[in-house]
Amino acid sequence: MVNGKPYTEYFKMAQDQQTAVASMNKMKCLDKFKVSVIVKGGGRSAQAEAIRHGTARVLVDFNLNFRKRLRKAGIVTG
């Protein structure tokens, strides 16, 4: 959910939808977690990237082994 709407409804462009869930898809856990975010400011693409970054950080906190795969995919750095 993004700002109270399903992400597919909030992000009209398929590219933004894919960006928003990229970290979850990479870890094959899109259907395993319920995620609700609030985003403000910036454009839709920037918001999608912020969601990707935020969910990646949470996934790494959940399982440190995810860092390597997310880093290799270019989703997280450091």
C-alpha atoms as a PDB file:
ATOM      1  CA  MET A   1       0.000   0.000   0.000  1.00  0.00           C
ATOM      2  CA  VAL A   2       1.229   3.474  -0.874  1.00  0.00           C
ATOM      3  CA  ASN A   3      -0.534   6.423   0.737  1.00  0.00           C
ATOM      4  CA  GLY A   4      -3.546   4.218   1.423  1.00  0.00           C
ATOM      5  CA  LYS A   5      -3.828   2.825  -2.130  1.00  0.00           C
ATOM      6  CA  PRO A   6      -2.542  -0.381  -3.723  1.00  0.00           C
ATOM      7  CA  TYR A   7       0.824   0.381  -5.320  1.00  0.00           C
ATOM      8  CA  THR A   8      -0.506  -0.608  -8.747  1.00  0.00           C
ATOM      9  CA  GLU A   9      -3.183   2.051  -8.396  1.00  0.00           C
ATOM     10  CA  TYR A  10      -0.915   4.724  -6.911  1.00  0.00           C
ATOM     11  CA  PHE A  11       1.795   4.277  -9.547  1.00  0.00           C
ATOM     12  CA  LYS A  12       0.170   4.411 -12.964  1.00  0.00           C
ATOM     13  CA  MET A  13       3.377   3.701 -14.917  1.00  0.00           C
ATOM     14  CA  ALA A  14       4.539   0.080 -14.970  1.00  0.00           C
ATOM     15  CA  GLN A  15       8.165   1.175 -14.577  1.00  0.00           C
ATOM     16  CA  ASP A  16       7.376   2.957 -11.294  1.00  0.00           C
ATOM     17  CA  GLN A  17       5.421  -0.074 -10.075  1.00  0.00           C
ATOM     18  CA  GLN A  18       8.387  -2.340 -10.828  1.00  0.00           C
ATOM     19  CA  THR A  19      10.819   0.055  -9.160  1.00  0.00           C
ATOM     20  CA  ALA A  20       8.725   0.275  -5.997  1.00  0.00           C
ATOM     21  CA  VAL A  21       8.719  -3.495  -5.483  1.00  0.00           C
ATOM     22  CA  ALA A  22      12.168  -4.280  -6.948  1.00  0.00           C
ATOM     23  CA  SER A  23      13.839  -5.155  -3.641  1.00  0.00           C
ATOM     24  CA  MET A  24      10.922  -7.359  -2.609  1.00  0.00           C
ATOM     25  CA  ASN A  25      10.909  -9.114  -5.993  1.00  0.00           C
ATOM     26  CA  LYS A  26      14.676  -9.646  -5.886  1.00  0.00           C
ATOM     27  CA  MET A  27      14.321 -11.480  -2.582  1.00  0.00           C
ATOM     28  CA  LYS A  28      11.213 -13.331  -3.797  1.00  0.00           C
ATOM     29  CA  CYS A  29       9.194 -12.118  -0.833  1.00  0.00           C
ATOM     30  CA  LEU A  30       6.612  -9.787  -2.359  1.00  0.00           C
ATOM     31  CA  ASP A  31       3.809 -12.076  -1.163  1.00  0.00           C
ATOM     32  CA  LYS A  32       5.371 -12.732   2.263  1.00  0.00           C
ATOM     33  CA  PHE A  33       5.173  -9.235   3.759  1.00  0.00           C
ATOM     34  CA  LYS A  34       2.464  -6.629   4.025  1.00  0.00           C
ATOM     35  CA  VAL A  35       4.033  -3.231   3.396  1.00  0.00           C
ATOM     36  CA  SER A  36       2.354   0.118   3.912  1.00  0.00           C
ATOM     37  CA  VAL A  37       4.248   3.340   3.190  1.00  0.00           C
ATOM     38  CA  ILE A  38       3.542   7.050   3.156  1.00  0.00           C
ATOM     39  CA  VAL A  39       5.461   9.153   0.661  1.00  0.00           C
ATOM     40  CA  LYS A  40       5.403  12.909   0.157  1.00  0.00           C
ATOM     41  CA  GLY A  41       7.142  15.290  -2.195  1.00  0.00           C
ATOM     42  CA  GLY A  42       9.193  14.609  -5.279  1.00  0.00           C
ATOM     43  CA  GLY A  43       7.818  12.982  -8.394  1.00  0.00           C
ATOM     44  CA  ARG A  44       6.322   9.531  -8.684  1.00  0.00           C
ATOM     45  CA  SER A  45       9.587   8.016  -9.924  1.00  0.00           C
ATOM     46  CA  ALA A  46      11.495   9.451  -6.963  1.00  0.00           C
ATOM     47  CA  GLN A  47       8.829   8.135  -4.618  1.00  0.00           C
ATOM     48  CA  ALA A  48       9.091   4.663  -6.174  1.00  0.00           C
ATOM     49  CA  GLU A  49      12.863   4.753  -5.724  1.00  0.00           C
ATOM     50  CA  ALA A  50      12.446   5.856  -2.099  1.00  0.00           C
ATOM     51  CA  ILE A  51      10.130   2.902  -1.481  1.00  0.00           C
ATOM     52  CA  ARG A  52      12.629   0.526  -3.108  1.00  0.00           C
ATOM     53  CA  HIS A  53      15.396   1.891  -0.885  1.00  0.00           C
ATOM     54  CA  GLY A  54      13.301   1.766   2.285  1.00  0.00           C
ATOM     55  CA  THR A  55      12.065  -1.778   1.736  1.00  0.00           C
ATOM     56  CA  ALA A  56      15.603  -2.912   0.929  1.00  0.00           C
ATOM     57  CA  ARG A  57      16.841  -1.516   4.242  1.00  0.00           C
ATOM     58  CA  VAL A  58      14.066  -3.302   6.115  1.00  0.00           C
ATOM     59  CA  LEU A  59      14.817  -6.566   4.309  1.00  0.00           C
ATOM     60  CA  VAL A  60      18.497  -6.301   5.264  1.00  0.00           C
ATOM     61  CA  ASP A  61      17.484  -5.666   8.881  1.00  0.00           C
ATOM     62  CA  PHE A  62      15.250  -8.736   8.656  1.00  0.00           C
ATOM     63  CA  ASN A  63      18.001 -10.939   7.200  1.00  0.00           C
ATOM     64  CA  LEU A  64      21.618  -9.790   6.847  1.00  0.00           C
ATOM     65  CA  ASN A  65      22.187 -12.389   4.127  1.00  0.00           C
ATOM     66  CA  PHE A  66      19.931 -10.353   1.825  1.00  0.00           C
ATOM     67  CA  ARG A  67      22.502  -7.522   1.718  1.00  0.00           C
ATOM     68  CA  LYS A  68      24.821  -9.365  -0.650  1.00  0.00           C
ATOM     69  CA  ARG A  69      22.106 -10.109  -3.217  1.00  0.00           C
ATOM     70  CA  LEU A  70      20.601  -6.623  -2.994  1.00  0.00           C
ATOM     71  CA  ARG A  71      24.026  -5.054  -3.319  1.00  0.00           C
ATOM     72  CA  LYS A  72      24.864  -7.187  -6.361  1.00  0.00           C
ATOM     73  CA  ALA A  73      21.580  -6.028  -7.918  1.00  0.00           C
ATOM     74  CA  GLY A  74      22.576  -2.416  -7.268  1.00  0.00           C
ATOM     75  CA  ILE A  75      19.697  -1.755  -4.898  1.00  0.00           C
ATOM     76  CA  VAL A  76      21.830  -1.084  -1.808  1.00  0.00           C
ATOM     77  CA  THR A  77      25.382   0.173  -1.441  1.00  0.00           C
ATOM     78  CA  GLY A  78      27.949  -0.136   1.295  1.00  0.00           C
END
